[in-house]
Amino acid sequence: AHGVIATRPAAGLGVRLMQIHAALAQVIVSHAPAAIAVEQAFVAKD
């Protein structure tokens, strides 16, 4: 499976982070992975 968790800037940072956490927790429960691979942050000019 795959997808994108989208948040709206108008919601504010705390609410957006909470939405991401809740959605990710649901995806993890639904698909039961054994491991997670996360891309590291890339710092360019911003």
All heavy atoms as atom14 arrays in JSON, in Angstrom:
{
  "sequence": "AHGVIATRPAAGLGVRLMQIHAALAQVIVSHAPAAIAVEQAFVAKD",
  "atom14_mask": [
    [1, 1, 1, 1, 1, 0, 0, 0, 0, 0, 0, 0, 0, 0],
    [1, 1, 1, 1, 1, 1, 1, 1, 1, 1, 0, 0, 0, 0],
    [1, 1, 1, 1, 0, 0, 0, 0, 0, 0, 0, 0, 0, 0],
    [1, 1, 1, 1, 1, 1, 1, 0, 0, 0, 0, 0, 0, 0],
    [1, 1, 1, 1, 1, 1, 1, 1, 0, 0, 0, 0, 0, 0],
    [1, 1, 1, 1, 1, 0, 0, 0, 0, 0, 0, 0, 0, 0],
    [1, 1, 1, 1, 1, 1, 1, 0, 0, 0, 0, 0, 0, 0],
    [1, 1, 1, 1, 1, 1, 1, 1, 1, 1, 1, 0, 0, 0],
    [1, 1, 1, 1, 1, 1, 1, 0, 0, 0, 0, 0, 0, 0],
    [1, 1, 1, 1, 1, 0, 0, 0, 0, 0, 0, 0, 0, 0],
    [1, 1, 1, 1, 1, 0, 0, 0, 0, 0, 0, 0, 0, 0],
    [1, 1, 1, 1, 0, 0, 0, 0, 0, 0, 0, 0, 0, 0],
    [1, 1, 1, 1, 1, 1, 1, 1, 0, 0, 0, 0, 0, 0],
    [1, 1, 1, 1, 0, 0, 0, 0, 0, 0, 0, 0, 0, 0],
    [1, 1, 1, 1, 1, 1, 1, 0, 0, 0, 0, 0, 0, 0],
    [1, 1, 1, 1, 1, 1, 1, 1, 1, 1, 1, 0, 0, 0],
    [1, 1, 1, 1, 1, 1, 1, 1, 0, 0, 0, 0, 0, 0],
    [1, 1, 1, 1, 1, 1, 1, 1, 0, 0, 0, 0, 0, 0],
    [1, 1, 1, 1, 1, 1, 1, 1, 1, 0, 0, 0, 0, 0],
    [1, 1, 1, 1, 1, 1, 1, 1, 0, 0, 0, 0, 0, 0],
    [1, 1, 1, 1, 1, 1, 1, 1, 1, 1, 0, 0, 0, 0],
    [1, 1, 1, 1, 1, 0, 0, 0, 0, 0, 0, 0, 0, 0],
    [1, 1, 1, 1, 1, 0, 0, 0, 0, 0, 0, 0, 0, 0],
    [1, 1, 1, 1, 1, 1, 1, 1, 0, 0, 0, 0, 0, 0],
    [1, 1, 1, 1, 1, 0, 0, 0, 0, 0, 0, 0, 0, 0],
    [1, 1, 1, 1, 1, 1, 1, 1, 1, 0, 0, 0, 0, 0],
    [1, 1, 1, 1, 1, 1, 1, 0, 0, 0, 0, 0, 0, 0],
    [1, 1, 1, 1, 1, 1, 1, 1, 0, 0, 0, 0, 0, 0],
    [1, 1, 1, 1, 1, 1, 1, 0, 0, 0, 0, 0, 0, 0],
    [1, 1, 1, 1, 1, 1, 0, 0, 0, 0, 0, 0, 0, 0],
    [1, 1, 1, 1, 1, 1, 1, 1, 1, 1, 0, 0, 0, 0],
    [1, 1, 1, 1, 1, 0, 0, 0, 0, 0, 0, 0, 0, 0],
    [1, 1, 1, 1, 1, 1, 1, 0, 0, 0, 0, 0, 0, 0],
    [1, 1, 1, 1, 1, 0, 0, 0, 0, 0, 0, 0, 0, 0],
    [1, 1, 1, 1, 1, 0, 0, 0, 0, 0, 0, 0, 0, 0],
    [1, 1, 1, 1, 1, 1, 1, 1, 0, 0, 0, 0, 0, 0],
    [1, 1, 1, 1, 1, 0, 0, 0, 0, 0, 0, 0, 0, 0],
    [1, 1, 1, 1, 1, 1, 1, 0, 0, 0, 0, 0, 0, 0],
    [1, 1, 1, 1, 1, 1, 1, 1, 1, 0, 0, 0, 0, 0],
    [1, 1, 1, 1, 1, 1, 1, 1, 1, 0, 0, 0, 0, 0],
    [1, 1, 1, 1, 1, 0, 0, 0, 0, 0, 0, 0, 0, 0],
    [1, 1, 1, 1, 1, 1, 1, 1, 1, 1, 1, 0, 0, 0],
    [1, 1, 1, 1, 1, 1, 1, 0, 0, 0, 0, 0, 0, 0],
    [1, 1, 1, 1, 1, 0, 0, 0, 0, 0, 0, 0, 0, 0],
    [1, 1, 1, 1, 1, 1, 1, 1, 1, 0, 0, 0, 0, 0],
    [1, 1, 1, 1, 1, 1, 1, 1, 0, 0, 0, 0, 0, 0]
  ],
  "atom14_positions": [
    [[0.84, -1.19, 0.0], [0.0, 0.0, 0.0], [0.88, 1.24, 0.0], [2.06, 1.17, 0.33], [-0.91, 0.01, 1.23], [0.0, 0.0, 0.0], [0.0, 0.0, 0.0], [0.0, 0.0, 0.0], [0.0, 0.0, 0.0], [0.0, 0.0, 0.0], [0.0, 0.0, 0.0], [0.0, 0.0, 0.0], [0.0, 0.0, 0.0], [0.0, 0.0, 0.0]],
    [[0.28, 2.37, -0.35], [0.98, 3.65, -0.27], [-0.04, 4.78, -0.19], [-1.22, 4.57, -0.48], [1.93, 3.86, -1.46], [1.21, 4.03, -2.76], [0.88, 2.98, -3.58], [0.74, 5.14, -3.38], [0.25, 3.42, -4.65], [0.14, 4.73, -4.56], [0.0, 0.0, 0.0], [0.0, 0.0, 0.0], [0.0, 0.0, 0.0], [0.0, 0.0, 0.0]],
    [[0.44, 5.94, 0.2], [-0.44, 7.09, 0.26], [0.31, 8.32, 0.73], [1.52, 8.3, 0.93], [0.0, 0.0, 0.0], [0.0, 0.0, 0.0], [0.0, 0.0, 0.0], [0.0, 0.0, 0.0], [0.0, 0.0, 0.0], [0.0, 0.0, 0.0], [0.0, 0.0, 0.0], [0.0, 0.0, 0.0], [0.0, 0.0, 0.0], [0.0, 0.0, 0.0]],
    [[-0.43, 9.39, 0.9], [0.12, 10.66, 1.37], [-0.78, 11.2, 2.46], [-2.0, 11.23, 2.31], [0.23, 11.69, 0.21], [0.67, 13.05, 0.73], [1.19, 11.2, -0.86], [0.0, 0.0, 0.0], [0.0, 0.0, 0.0], [0.0, 0.0, 0.0], [0.0, 0.0, 0.0], [0.0, 0.0, 0.0], [0.0, 0.0, 0.0], [0.0, 0.0, 0.0]],
    [[-0.18, 11.6, 3.56], [-0.9, 12.26, 4.65], [-0.72, 13.76, 4.43], [0.41, 14.26, 4.48], [-0.34, 11.84, 6.02], [-0.49, 10.33, 6.21], [-1.03, 12.62, 7.14], [0.33, 9.77, 7.36], [0.0, 0.0, 0.0], [0.0, 0.0, 0.0], [0.0, 0.0, 0.0], [0.0, 0.0, 0.0], [0.0, 0.0, 0.0], [0.0, 0.0, 0.0]],
    [[-1.81, 14.45, 4.15], [-1.75, 15.88, 3.85], [-2.33, 16.68, 5.01], [-3.31, 16.27, 5.63], [-2.52, 16.18, 2.57], [0.0, 0.0, 0.0], [0.0, 0.0, 0.0], [0.0, 0.0, 0.0], [0.0, 0.0, 0.0], [0.0, 0.0, 0.0], [0.0, 0.0, 0.0], [0.0, 0.0, 0.0], [0.0, 0.0, 0.0], [0.0, 0.0, 0.0]],
    [[-1.69, 17.82, 5.29], [-2.2, 18.74, 6.3], [-2.3, 20.13, 5.69], [-1.62, 20.44, 4.71], [-1.3, 18.8, 7.55], [-0.04, 19.35, 7.2], [-1.13, 17.43, 8.17], [0.0, 0.0, 0.0], [0.0, 0.0, 0.0], [0.0, 0.0, 0.0], [0.0, 0.0, 0.0], [0.0, 0.0, 0.0], [0.0, 0.0, 0.0], [0.0, 0.0, 0.0]],
    [[-3.15, 20.95, 6.27], [-3.35, 22.32, 5.78], [-2.65, 23.32, 6.7], [-2.82, 23.26, 7.92], [-4.83, 22.64, 5.71], [-5.55, 21.81, 4.65], [-7.0, 22.23, 4.41], [-7.45, 23.39, 5.17], [-8.41, 23.35, 6.1], [-9.02, 22.23, 6.39], [-8.77, 24.45, 6.73], [0.0, 0.0, 0.0], [0.0, 0.0, 0.0], [0.0, 0.0, 0.0]],
    [[-1.9, 24.25, 6.15], [-1.19, 25.25, 6.96], [-2.1, 26.03, 7.9], [-1.69, 26.41, 8.99], [-0.56, 26.18, 5.92], [-0.42, 25.34, 4.7], [-1.59, 24.39, 4.72], [0.0, 0.0, 0.0], [0.0, 0.0, 0.0], [0.0, 0.0, 0.0], [0.0, 0.0, 0.0], [0.0, 0.0, 0.0], [0.0, 0.0, 0.0], [0.0, 0.0, 0.0]],
    [[-3.34, 26.26, 7.51], [-4.27, 27.03, 8.34], [-4.55, 26.34, 9.68], [-4.97, 27.0, 10.63], [-5.58, 27.25, 7.58], [0.0, 0.0, 0.0], [0.0, 0.0, 0.0], [0.0, 0.0, 0.0], [0.0, 0.0, 0.0], [0.0, 0.0, 0.0], [0.0, 0.0, 0.0], [0.0, 0.0, 0.0], [0.0, 0.0, 0.0], [0.0, 0.0, 0.0]],
    [[-4.3, 25.05, 9.77], [-4.6, 24.3, 11.0], [-3.64, 24.64, 12.14], [-3.95, 24.39, 13.29], [-4.58, 22.8, 10.72], [0.0, 0.0, 0.0], [0.0, 0.0, 0.0], [0.0, 0.0, 0.0], [0.0, 0.0, 0.0], [0.0, 0.0, 0.0], [0.0, 0.0, 0.0], [0.0, 0.0, 0.0], [0.0, 0.0, 0.0], [0.0, 0.0, 0.0]],
    [[-2.48, 25.17, 11.85], [-1.49, 25.46, 12.89], [-0.57, 24.28, 13.1], [-0.94, 23.12, 12.87], [0.0, 0.0, 0.0], [0.0, 0.0, 0.0], [0.0, 0.0, 0.0], [0.0, 0.0, 0.0], [0.0, 0.0, 0.0], [0.0, 0.0, 0.0], [0.0, 0.0, 0.0], [0.0, 0.0, 0.0], [0.0, 0.0, 0.0], [0.0, 0.0, 0.0]],
    [[0.64, 24.55, 13.54], [1.67, 23.52, 13.65], [1.29, 22.37, 14.57], [1.4, 21.21, 14.19], [3.0, 24.15, 14.12], [4.17, 23.18, 14.27], [4.51, 22.53, 12.93], [5.37, 23.9, 14.84], [0.0, 0.0, 0.0], [0.0, 0.0, 0.0], [0.0, 0.0, 0.0], [0.0, 0.0, 0.0], [0.0, 0.0, 0.0], [0.0, 0.0, 0.0]],
    [[0.83, 22.67, 15.77], [0.48, 21.61, 16.73], [-0.59, 20.68, 16.21], [-0.48, 19.45, 16.33], [0.0, 0.0, 0.0], [0.0, 0.0, 0.0], [0.0, 0.0, 0.0], [0.0, 0.0, 0.0], [0.0, 0.0, 0.0], [0.0, 0.0, 0.0], [0.0, 0.0, 0.0], [0.0, 0.0, 0.0], [0.0, 0.0, 0.0], [0.0, 0.0, 0.0]],
    [[-1.63, 21.24, 15.63], [-2.73, 20.43, 15.1], [-2.25, 19.58, 13.93], [-2.59, 18.4, 13.81], [-3.92, 21.32, 14.68], [-4.99, 20.53, 13.93], [-4.53, 22.0, 15.91], [0.0, 0.0, 0.0], [0.0, 0.0, 0.0], [0.0, 0.0, 0.0], [0.0, 0.0, 0.0], [0.0, 0.0, 0.0], [0.0, 0.0, 0.0], [0.0, 0.0, 0.0]],
    [[-1.42, 20.17, 13.06], [-0.9, 19.42, 11.91], [-0.05, 18.24, 12.35], [-0.17, 17.14, 11.81], [-0.09, 20.35, 11.0], [-0.95, 21.4, 10.35], [-0.13, 22.45, 9.67], [0.32, 21.97, 8.37], [1.18, 22.63, 7.61], [1.69, 23.78, 8.0], [1.54, 22.13, 6.44], [0.0, 0.0, 0.0], [0.0, 0.0, 0.0], [0.0, 0.0, 0.0]],
    [[0.81, 18.45, 13.36], [1.63, 17.36, 13.86], [0.77, 16.27, 14.49], [1.03, 15.08, 14.32], [2.66, 17.89, 14.86], [3.72, 18.83, 14.27], [4.58, 19.43, 15.38], [4.57, 18.11, 13.24], [0.0, 0.0, 0.0], [0.0, 0.0, 0.0], [0.0, 0.0, 0.0], [0.0, 0.0, 0.0], [0.0, 0.0, 0.0], [0.0, 0.0, 0.0]],
    [[-0.28, 16.68, 15.19], [-1.2, 15.71, 15.78], [-1.91, 14.9, 14.69], [-2.07, 13.68, 14.8], [-2.23, 16.43, 16.66], [-3.21, 15.49, 17.34], [-4.39, 16.36, 18.38], [-5.33, 17.27, 17.15], [0.0, 0.0, 0.0], [0.0, 0.0, 0.0], [0.0, 0.0, 0.0], [0.0, 0.0, 0.0], [0.0, 0.0, 0.0], [0.0, 0.0, 0.0]],
    [[-2.3, 15.56, 13.61], [-2.96, 14.87, 12.5], [-2.02, 13.86, 11.85], [-2.42, 12.74, 11.53], [-3.44, 15.89, 11.44], [-4.59, 16.75, 11.91], [-4.88, 17.91, 10.96], [-4.05, 18.29, 10.11], [-6.06, 18.49, 11.1], [0.0, 0.0, 0.0], [0.0, 0.0, 0.0], [0.0, 0.0, 0.0], [0.0, 0.0, 0.0], [0.0, 0.0, 0.0]],
    [[-0.77, 14.26, 11.66], [0.22, 13.34, 11.07], [0.41, 12.13, 11.99], [0.41, 10.99, 11.53], [1.57, 14.06, 10.82], [1.42, 15.06, 9.68], [2.68, 13.05, 10.52], [2.61, 16.0, 9.53], [0.0, 0.0, 0.0], [0.0, 0.0, 0.0], [0.0, 0.0, 0.0], [0.0, 0.0, 0.0], [0.0, 0.0, 0.0], [0.0, 0.0, 0.0]],
    [[0.55, 12.37, 13.27], [0.76, 11.28, 14.22], [-0.42, 10.31, 14.21], [-0.23, 9.09, 14.14], [0.99, 11.82, 15.64], [1.28, 10.75, 16.63], [0.29, 10.08, 17.32], [2.45, 10.2, 17.03], [0.84, 9.19, 18.1], [2.16, 9.24, 17.95], [0.0, 0.0, 0.0], [0.0, 0.0, 0.0], [0.0, 0.0, 0.0], [0.0, 0.0, 0.0]],
    [[-1.63, 10.84, 14.27], [-2.82, 9.98, 14.29], [-2.94, 9.16, 13.0], [-3.22, 7.96, 13.04], [-4.08, 10.83, 14.5], [0.0, 0.0, 0.0], [0.0, 0.0, 0.0], [0.0, 0.0, 0.0], [0.0, 0.0, 0.0], [0.0, 0.0, 0.0], [0.0, 0.0, 0.0], [0.0, 0.0, 0.0], [0.0, 0.0, 0.0], [0.0, 0.0, 0.0]],
    [[-2.69, 9.8, 11.87], [-2.79, 9.09, 10.59], [-1.7, 8.03, 10.47], [-1.97, 6.9, 10.02], [-2.7, 10.08, 9.43], [0.0, 0.0, 0.0], [0.0, 0.0, 0.0], [0.0, 0.0, 0.0], [0.0, 0.0, 0.0], [0.0, 0.0, 0.0], [0.0, 0.0, 0.0], [0.0, 0.0, 0.0], [0.0, 0.0, 0.0], [0.0, 0.0, 0.0]],
    [[-0.47, 8.36, 10.87], [0.61, 7.37, 10.8], [0.35, 6.19, 11.73], [0.58, 5.04, 11.35], [1.95, 8.01, 11.19], [2.75, 8.63, 10.07], [4.04, 9.21, 10.62], [3.04, 7.63, 8.98], [0.0, 0.0, 0.0], [0.0, 0.0, 0.0], [0.0, 0.0, 0.0], [0.0, 0.0, 0.0], [0.0, 0.0, 0.0], [0.0, 0.0, 0.0]],
    [[-0.14, 6.48, 12.92], [-0.45, 5.4, 13.86], [-1.48, 4.46, 13.25], [-1.37, 3.23, 13.37], [-0.95, 5.97, 15.18], [0.0, 0.0, 0.0], [0.0, 0.0, 0.0], [0.0, 0.0, 0.0], [0.0, 0.0, 0.0], [0.0, 0.0, 0.0], [0.0, 0.0, 0.0], [0.0, 0.0, 0.0], [0.0, 0.0, 0.0], [0.0, 0.0, 0.0]],
    [[-2.47, 5.01, 12.55], [-3.49, 4.18, 11.91], [-2.91, 3.35, 10.77], [-3.23, 2.17, 10.62], [-4.64, 5.06, 11.39], [-5.76, 4.27, 10.76], [-6.35, 3.24, 11.72], [-6.65, 3.53, 12.86], [-6.52, 2.01, 11.25], [0.0, 0.0, 0.0], [0.0, 0.0, 0.0], [0.0, 0.0, 0.0], [0.0, 0.0, 0.0], [0.0, 0.0, 0.0]],
    [[-2.03, 3.94, 9.98], [-1.39, 3.21, 8.88], [-0.55, 2.06, 9.44], [-0.57, 0.94, 8.91], [-0.53, 4.15, 8.0], [0.32, 3.37, 7.02], [-1.42, 5.14, 7.26], [0.0, 0.0, 0.0], [0.0, 0.0, 0.0], [0.0, 0.0, 0.0], [0.0, 0.0, 0.0], [0.0, 0.0, 0.0], [0.0, 0.0, 0.0], [0.0, 0.0, 0.0]],
    [[0.17, 2.33, 10.52], [1.0, 1.3, 11.15], [0.14, 0.15, 11.65], [0.45, -1.02, 11.42], [1.87, 1.91, 12.28], [2.96, 2.8, 11.68], [2.48, 0.82, 13.15], [3.7, 3.66, 12.69], [0.0, 0.0, 0.0], [0.0, 0.0, 0.0], [0.0, 0.0, 0.0], [0.0, 0.0, 0.0], [0.0, 0.0, 0.0], [0.0, 0.0, 0.0]],
    [[-0.97, 0.46, 12.29], [-1.88, -0.58, 12.78], [-2.48, -1.36, 11.61], [-2.55, -2.59, 11.63], [-3.0, 0.02, 13.67], [-4.11, -0.98, 13.93], [-2.42, 0.53, 14.98], [0.0, 0.0, 0.0], [0.0, 0.0, 0.0], [0.0, 0.0, 0.0], [0.0, 0.0, 0.0], [0.0, 0.0, 0.0], [0.0, 0.0, 0.0], [0.0, 0.0, 0.0]],
    [[-2.89, -0.65, 10.57], [-3.53, -1.3, 9.41], [-2.61, -2.23, 8.64], [-3.05, -3.27, 8.16], [-4.05, -0.24, 8.44], [-5.06, 0.52, 9.03], [0.0, 0.0, 0.0], [0.0, 0.0, 0.0], [0.0, 0.0, 0.0], [0.0, 0.0, 0.0], [0.0, 0.0, 0.0], [0.0, 0.0, 0.0], [0.0, 0.0, 0.0], [0.0, 0.0, 0.0]],
    [[-1.33, -1.85, 8.51], [-0.43, -2.62, 7.64], [0.64, -3.41, 8.38], [1.37, -4.19, 7.75], [0.19, -1.69, 6.6], [-0.83, -1.1, 5.69], [-1.53, -1.84, 4.77], [-1.32, 0.16, 5.61], [-2.39, -1.07, 4.14], [-2.29, 0.15, 4.63], [0.0, 0.0, 0.0], [0.0, 0.0, 0.0], [0.0, 0.0, 0.0], [0.0, 0.0, 0.0]],
    [[0.75, -3.23, 9.68], [1.62, -4.02, 10.56], [3.04, -4.24, 10.01], [3.49, -5.37, 9.87], [0.96, -5.36, 10.86], [0.0, 0.0, 0.0], [0.0, 0.0, 0.0], [0.0, 0.0, 0.0], [0.0, 0.0, 0.0], [0.0, 0.0, 0.0], [0.0, 0.0, 0.0], [0.0, 0.0, 0.0], [0.0, 0.0, 0.0], [0.0, 0.0, 0.0]],
    [[3.77, -3.15, 9.74], [5.16, -3.34, 9.3], [6.04, -3.79, 10.47], [5.72, -3.54, 11.63], [5.56, -1.94, 8.82], [4.73, -1.01, 9.64], [3.42, -1.73, 9.84], [0.0, 0.0, 0.0], [0.0, 0.0, 0.0], [0.0, 0.0, 0.0], [0.0, 0.0, 0.0], [0.0, 0.0, 0.0], [0.0, 0.0, 0.0], [0.0, 0.0, 0.0]],
    [[7.14, -4.44, 10.13], [8.12, -4.85, 11.15], [9.19, -3.78, 11.32], [9.85, -3.72, 12.35], [8.77, -6.17, 10.74], [0.0, 0.0, 0.0], [0.0, 0.0, 0.0], [0.0, 0.0, 0.0], [0.0, 0.0, 0.0], [0.0, 0.0, 0.0], [0.0, 0.0, 0.0], [0.0, 0.0, 0.0], [0.0, 0.0, 0.0], [0.0, 0.0, 0.0]],
    [[9.36, -2.96, 10.28], [10.41, -1.94, 10.3], [9.92, -0.72, 9.55], [8.99, -0.79, 8.74], [11.67, -2.48, 9.64], [0.0, 0.0, 0.0], [0.0, 0.0, 0.0], [0.0, 0.0, 0.0], [0.0, 0.0, 0.0], [0.0, 0.0, 0.0], [0.0, 0.0, 0.0], [0.0, 0.0, 0.0], [0.0, 0.0, 0.0], [0.0, 0.0, 0.0]],
    [[10.58, 0.39, 9.84], [10.25, 1.64, 9.16], [11.55, 2.28, 8.69], [12.54, 2.3, 9.43], [9.43, 2.57, 10.07], [8.86, 3.73, 9.31], [10.24, 3.04, 11.23], [7.74, 4.44, 10.06], [0.0, 0.0, 0.0], [0.0, 0.0, 0.0], [0.0, 0.0, 0.0], [0.0, 0.0, 0.0], [0.0, 0.0, 0.0], [0.0, 0.0, 0.0]],
    [[11.55, 2.77, 7.47], [12.71, 3.46, 6.89], [12.3, 4.9, 6.64], [11.35, 5.16, 5.91], [13.13, 2.79, 5.59], [0.0, 0.0, 0.0], [0.0, 0.0, 0.0], [0.0, 0.0, 0.0], [0.0, 0.0, 0.0], [0.0, 0.0, 0.0], [0.0, 0.0, 0.0], [0.0, 0.0, 0.0], [0.0, 0.0, 0.0], [0.0, 0.0, 0.0]],
    [[13.02, 5.82, 7.26], [12.67, 7.24, 7.19], [13.78, 7.99, 6.48], [14.96, 7.81, 6.8], [12.47, 7.82, 8.61], [12.04, 9.28, 8.54], [11.46, 7.0, 9.39], [0.0, 0.0, 0.0], [0.0, 0.0, 0.0], [0.0, 0.0, 0.0], [0.0, 0.0, 0.0], [0.0, 0.0, 0.0], [0.0, 0.0, 0.0], [0.0, 0.0, 0.0]],
    [[13.38, 8.82, 5.52], [14.37, 9.65, 4.83], [14.85, 10.74, 5.78], [14.04, 11.38, 6.47], [13.74, 10.27, 3.59], [14.72, 11.04, 2.74], [14.11, 11.54, 1.45], [13.6, 10.71, 0.67], [14.18, 12.76, 1.22], [0.0, 0.0, 0.0], [0.0, 0.0, 0.0], [0.0, 0.0, 0.0], [0.0, 0.0, 0.0], [0.0, 0.0, 0.0]],
    [[16.16, 10.93, 5.84], [16.73, 11.98, 6.68], [16.44, 13.34, 6.06], [16.24, 13.45, 4.86], [18.24, 11.8, 6.81], [18.63, 10.59, 7.61], [20.13, 10.37, 7.62], [20.85, 10.85, 6.76], [20.59, 9.62, 8.6], [0.0, 0.0, 0.0], [0.0, 0.0, 0.0], [0.0, 0.0, 0.0], [0.0, 0.0, 0.0], [0.0, 0.0, 0.0]],
    [[16.42, 14.36, 6.92], [16.16, 15.71, 6.45], [17.33, 16.2, 5.6], [18.49, 15.95, 5.91], [15.94, 16.65, 7.62], [0.0, 0.0, 0.0], [0.0, 0.0, 0.0], [0.0, 0.0, 0.0], [0.0, 0.0, 0.0], [0.0, 0.0, 0.0], [0.0, 0.0, 0.0], [0.0, 0.0, 0.0], [0.0, 0.0, 0.0], [0.0, 0.0, 0.0]],
    [[17.01, 16.88, 4.54], [18.01, 17.47, 3.66], [17.93, 18.98, 3.84], [16.89, 19.59, 3.6], [17.73, 17.08, 2.2], [18.63, 17.77, 1.22], [19.96, 17.41, 1.12], [18.15, 18.79, 0.42], [20.8, 18.05, 0.21], [18.98, 19.43, -0.49], [20.31, 19.05, -0.59], [0.0, 0.0, 0.0], [0.0, 0.0, 0.0], [0.0, 0.0, 0.0]],
    [[19.0, 19.59, 4.28], [19.02, 21.04, 4.5], [19.74, 21.68, 3.33], [20.92, 21.49, 3.15], [19.73, 21.39, 5.83], [19.72, 22.89, 6.04], [19.08, 20.67, 6.99], [0.0, 0.0, 0.0], [0.0, 0.0, 0.0], [0.0, 0.0, 0.0], [0.0, 0.0, 0.0], [0.0, 0.0, 0.0], [0.0, 0.0, 0.0], [0.0, 0.0, 0.0]],
    [[19.0, 22.43, 2.55], [19.6, 23.12, 1.41], [19.7, 24.61, 1.75], [20.53, 25.0, 2.54], [18.79, 22.89, 0.15], [0.0, 0.0, 0.0], [0.0, 0.0, 0.0], [0.0, 0.0, 0.0], [0.0, 0.0, 0.0], [0.0, 0.0, 0.0], [0.0, 0.0, 0.0], [0.0, 0.0, 0.0], [0.0, 0.0, 0.0], [0.0, 0.0, 0.0]],
    [[18.84, 25.4, 1.18], [18.93, 26.85, 1.35], [17.89, 27.4, 2.31], [17.97, 28.56, 2.69], [18.76, 27.52, -0.01], [19.86, 27.16, -0.98], [19.61, 27.77, -2.33], [20.7, 27.32, -3.28], [20.39, 27.59, -4.66], [0.0, 0.0, 0.0], [0.0, 0.0, 0.0], [0.0, 0.0, 0.0], [0.0, 0.0, 0.0], [0.0, 0.0, 0.0]],
    [[16.9, 26.61, 2.7], [15.8, 27.12, 3.5], [15.76, 26.45, 4.88], [15.15, 25.4, 5.04], [14.49, 26.89, 2.75], [13.3, 27.56, 3.42], [13.47, 28.17, 4.5], [12.2, 27.47, 2.86], [0.0, 0.0, 0.0], [0.0, 0.0, 0.0], [0.0, 0.0, 0.0], [0.0, 0.0, 0.0], [0.0, 0.0, 0.0], [0.0, 0.0, 0.0]]
  ]
}
